[in-house]
Amino acid sequence: MKMVTEMISKAMAKSLNLEENCFLNQFGERGALQARFNYYSRCLRPDIVLGLKPHADGSGYTILLQNEVDGLQILKDDCWLTIPTISNALLVLMGDQMEIMSNGIFKSPVHRVLASSERERISVAVFYTPESGKLIGPEEGLIDEERPRLFKKVKDYADIHWKYYQKGQRALHVAKP
């Protein structure tokens, strides 16, 4: 999985015309990988039961493998959009920490999971987070007169995120200058 995160991090840096290891440097030598296995049973009332409440991930990014059952939705312009599943594909969702590192270019979407009345849903989420104690911030190459610094440097953002997540709130505002 470490090779996958390296490939993704380098590709994201290259897409922004940055040095390919810049994001990997922010994650650190011991960037953390945490996996969560999700099982959503069939639900007789999916209209009133959520599989997972709306939230944004506090990770750098999340790599998601899903079965063929749709249910993941992202919030865009105050509308919930269903993200179709693609067999044998990995989905990469940006987390708050990548939004900070990219100075807001990559967005950490608010998302949720809907229950299904017809089939059970299974997914594996792998969260890639900077090593503990690592200070992260916007890459300098993404800050100029046209695009000012949107975030300050923060340390242990995942811990901050968790405190707000438990209250049903986003934490990204703590990284605003």
Protein backbone atom coordinates (compact mmCIF):
# COMPACT_ATOMS: atom_id res chain seq x y z
CA MET A 1 0.00 0.00 0.00
CA LYS A 2 2.97 2.28 0.63
CA MET A 3 3.86 2.08 -3.08
CA VAL A 4 0.31 3.14 -3.99
CA THR A 5 0.43 6.17 -1.68
CA GLU A 6 3.81 7.17 -3.12
CA MET A 7 2.47 6.95 -6.67
CA ILE A 8 -0.64 8.96 -5.80
CA SER A 9 1.32 11.62 -3.88
CA LYS A 10 3.84 12.05 -6.70
CA ALA A 11 1.11 12.22 -9.36
CA MET A 12 -0.74 14.91 -7.43
CA ALA A 13 2.45 16.96 -7.06
CA LYS A 14 3.26 16.63 -10.77
CA SER A 15 -0.29 17.68 -11.69
CA LEU A 16 0.38 20.98 -9.90
CA ASN A 17 3.84 21.41 -11.47
CA LEU A 18 5.53 20.86 -8.11
CA GLU A 19 8.58 18.79 -7.22
CA GLU A 20 7.29 15.21 -7.16
CA ASN A 21 8.30 14.44 -3.56
CA CYS A 22 6.92 17.62 -1.98
CA PHE A 23 3.77 16.00 -0.56
CA LEU A 24 5.66 12.87 0.49
CA ASN A 25 8.05 15.13 2.42
CA GLN A 26 5.11 16.63 4.28
CA PHE A 27 3.73 13.17 5.12
CA GLY A 28 7.16 12.25 6.49
CA GLU A 29 9.14 9.02 6.56
CA ARG A 30 6.54 7.39 8.81
CA GLY A 31 3.32 8.58 7.23
CA ALA A 32 0.54 6.53 8.77
CA LEU A 33 -1.73 4.11 6.93
CA GLN A 34 -4.89 3.10 8.76
CA ALA A 35 -7.50 0.77 7.30
CA ARG A 36 -11.17 0.57 8.17
CA PHE A 37 -13.41 -2.23 6.94
CA ASN A 38 -17.03 -1.12 6.54
CA TYR A 39 -20.10 -3.33 6.38
CA TYR A 40 -23.53 -1.82 5.77
CA SER A 41 -26.34 -4.37 6.06
CA ARG A 42 -29.52 -4.15 4.04
CA CYS A 43 -31.87 -1.57 5.52
CA LEU A 44 -35.65 -1.63 5.31
CA ARG A 45 -35.86 2.18 5.71
CA PRO A 46 -32.92 3.70 3.80
CA ASP A 47 -34.94 6.91 3.49
CA ILE A 48 -34.43 7.58 7.22
CA VAL A 49 -31.22 5.68 8.03
CA LEU A 50 -27.72 6.73 6.94
CA GLY A 51 -24.91 4.23 6.61
CA LEU A 52 -22.38 6.90 7.62
CA LYS A 53 -23.10 10.49 8.66
CA PRO A 54 -21.91 13.46 6.59
CA HIS A 55 -18.26 14.34 7.25
CA ALA A 56 -14.96 15.21 5.59
CA ASP A 57 -11.89 13.06 6.20
CA GLY A 58 -9.10 14.44 8.34
CA SER A 59 -6.47 12.40 6.50
CA GLY A 60 -4.20 13.53 3.71
CA TYR A 61 -6.32 11.36 1.48
CA THR A 62 -8.42 8.21 1.62
CA ILE A 63 -8.16 5.27 -0.77
CA LEU A 64 -11.47 3.43 -1.03
CA LEU A 65 -12.26 -0.02 -2.45
CA GLN A 66 -16.00 -0.74 -2.69
CA ASN A 67 -18.23 -3.57 -3.78
CA GLU A 68 -20.72 -2.90 -6.60
CA VAL A 69 -23.36 -1.30 -4.35
CA ASP A 70 -23.72 2.47 -4.76
CA GLY A 71 -24.14 4.53 -1.63
CA LEU A 72 -21.25 6.98 -1.41
CA GLN A 73 -22.38 10.56 -1.95
CA ILE A 74 -20.49 13.86 -1.94
CA LEU A 75 -21.94 17.28 -1.19
CA LYS A 76 -21.45 19.76 -4.05
CA ASP A 77 -23.23 23.11 -4.23
CA ASP A 78 -25.65 22.01 -1.47
CA CYS A 79 -26.70 18.91 -3.46
CA TRP A 80 -25.84 15.29 -2.68
CA LEU A 81 -24.32 13.54 -5.70
CA THR A 82 -24.01 9.76 -5.85
CA ILE A 83 -20.56 8.54 -6.84
CA PRO A 84 -21.03 5.45 -9.03
CA THR A 85 -18.97 2.43 -8.12
CA ILE A 86 -16.51 1.04 -10.64
CA SER A 87 -15.59 -2.63 -10.35
CA ASN A 88 -12.00 -3.36 -9.34
CA ALA A 89 -11.12 0.34 -9.06
CA LEU A 90 -9.74 2.41 -6.23
CA LEU A 91 -11.37 5.75 -5.46
CA VAL A 92 -9.19 8.46 -3.94
CA LEU A 93 -10.89 11.11 -1.81
CA MET A 94 -8.90 14.12 -0.69
CA GLY A 95 -8.80 14.78 3.04
CA ASP A 96 -8.51 18.05 4.92
CA GLN A 97 -4.74 17.74 5.20
CA MET A 98 -4.30 17.57 1.42
CA GLU A 99 -6.58 20.58 1.05
CA ILE A 100 -4.19 22.40 3.40
CA MET A 101 -1.04 21.18 1.61
CA SER A 102 -2.44 22.11 -1.81
CA ASN A 103 -3.51 25.56 -0.56
CA GLY A 104 -7.13 24.75 -1.36
CA ILE A 105 -6.60 23.47 -4.91
CA PHE A 106 -7.54 19.90 -3.96
CA LYS A 107 -10.80 19.89 -2.01
CA SER A 108 -11.75 17.65 0.88
CA PRO A 109 -15.37 16.79 0.09
CA VAL A 110 -18.09 16.38 2.67
CA HIS A 111 -19.48 12.91 2.02
CA ARG A 112 -21.83 10.30 3.46
CA VAL A 113 -22.93 6.74 2.80
CA LEU A 114 -26.55 5.81 2.17
CA ALA A 115 -27.98 2.48 3.20
CA SER A 116 -29.51 0.18 0.57
CA SER A 117 -32.79 -1.68 0.88
CA GLU A 118 -31.70 -4.26 -1.69
CA ARG A 119 -28.11 -5.28 -0.99
CA GLU A 120 -25.42 -5.07 1.63
CA ARG A 121 -22.53 -2.67 0.98
CA ILE A 122 -18.90 -3.43 1.81
CA SER A 123 -15.92 -1.13 1.52
CA VAL A 124 -12.34 -0.83 2.70
CA ALA A 125 -11.03 2.66 3.42
CA VAL A 126 -7.30 3.28 3.83
CA PHE A 127 -6.44 6.65 5.34
CA TYR A 128 -3.00 8.14 4.62
CA THR A 129 -1.98 10.67 7.25
CA PRO A 130 1.25 12.54 8.00
CA GLU A 131 3.42 11.09 10.73
CA SER A 132 2.63 12.17 14.28
CA GLY A 133 4.14 15.51 15.25
CA LYS A 134 4.70 16.55 11.61
CA LEU A 135 4.03 20.20 10.74
CA ILE A 136 2.13 20.56 7.46
CA GLY A 137 1.13 23.60 5.43
CA PRO A 138 0.57 24.87 1.92
CA GLU A 139 3.37 24.13 -0.54
CA GLU A 140 5.25 27.39 -1.20
CA GLY A 141 5.01 26.84 -4.97
CA LEU A 142 1.22 27.21 -4.68
CA ILE A 143 1.31 30.62 -3.00
CA ASP A 144 1.66 33.87 -4.93
CA GLU A 145 -0.06 37.23 -5.42
CA GLU A 146 -2.89 35.66 -7.40
CA ARG A 147 -3.34 32.79 -4.93
CA PRO A 148 -2.52 33.93 -1.39
CA ARG A 149 -1.90 31.56 1.50
CA LEU A 150 -5.28 30.09 2.52
CA PHE A 151 -4.00 27.99 5.44
CA LYS A 152 -1.40 28.30 8.15
CA LYS A 153 0.91 25.48 9.18
CA VAL A 154 -0.61 22.98 11.62
CA LYS A 155 0.68 20.03 13.60
CA ASP A 156 -1.22 16.82 14.42
CA TYR A 157 -4.26 17.91 12.43
CA ALA A 158 -5.78 14.41 12.61
CA ASP A 159 -6.15 14.80 16.38
CA ILE A 160 -7.80 18.21 15.96
CA HIS A 161 -10.10 16.80 13.28
CA TRP A 162 -11.21 13.94 15.53
CA LYS A 163 -12.33 16.35 18.29
CA TYR A 164 -14.53 18.25 15.85
CA TYR A 165 -15.77 15.11 14.09
CA GLN A 166 -17.15 13.78 17.37
CA LYS A 167 -19.27 16.95 17.62
CA GLY A 168 -20.44 16.64 14.00
CA GLN A 169 -18.36 19.65 12.91
CA ARG A 170 -15.60 20.32 10.39
CA ALA A 171 -12.16 21.30 11.68
CA LEU A 172 -10.65 22.94 8.60
CA HIS A 173 -11.26 26.42 10.01
CA VAL A 174 -8.54 25.89 12.66
CA ALA A 175 -5.95 25.95 9.85
CA LYS A 176 -7.13 29.29 8.48
CA PRO A 177 -4.73 32.20 9.05
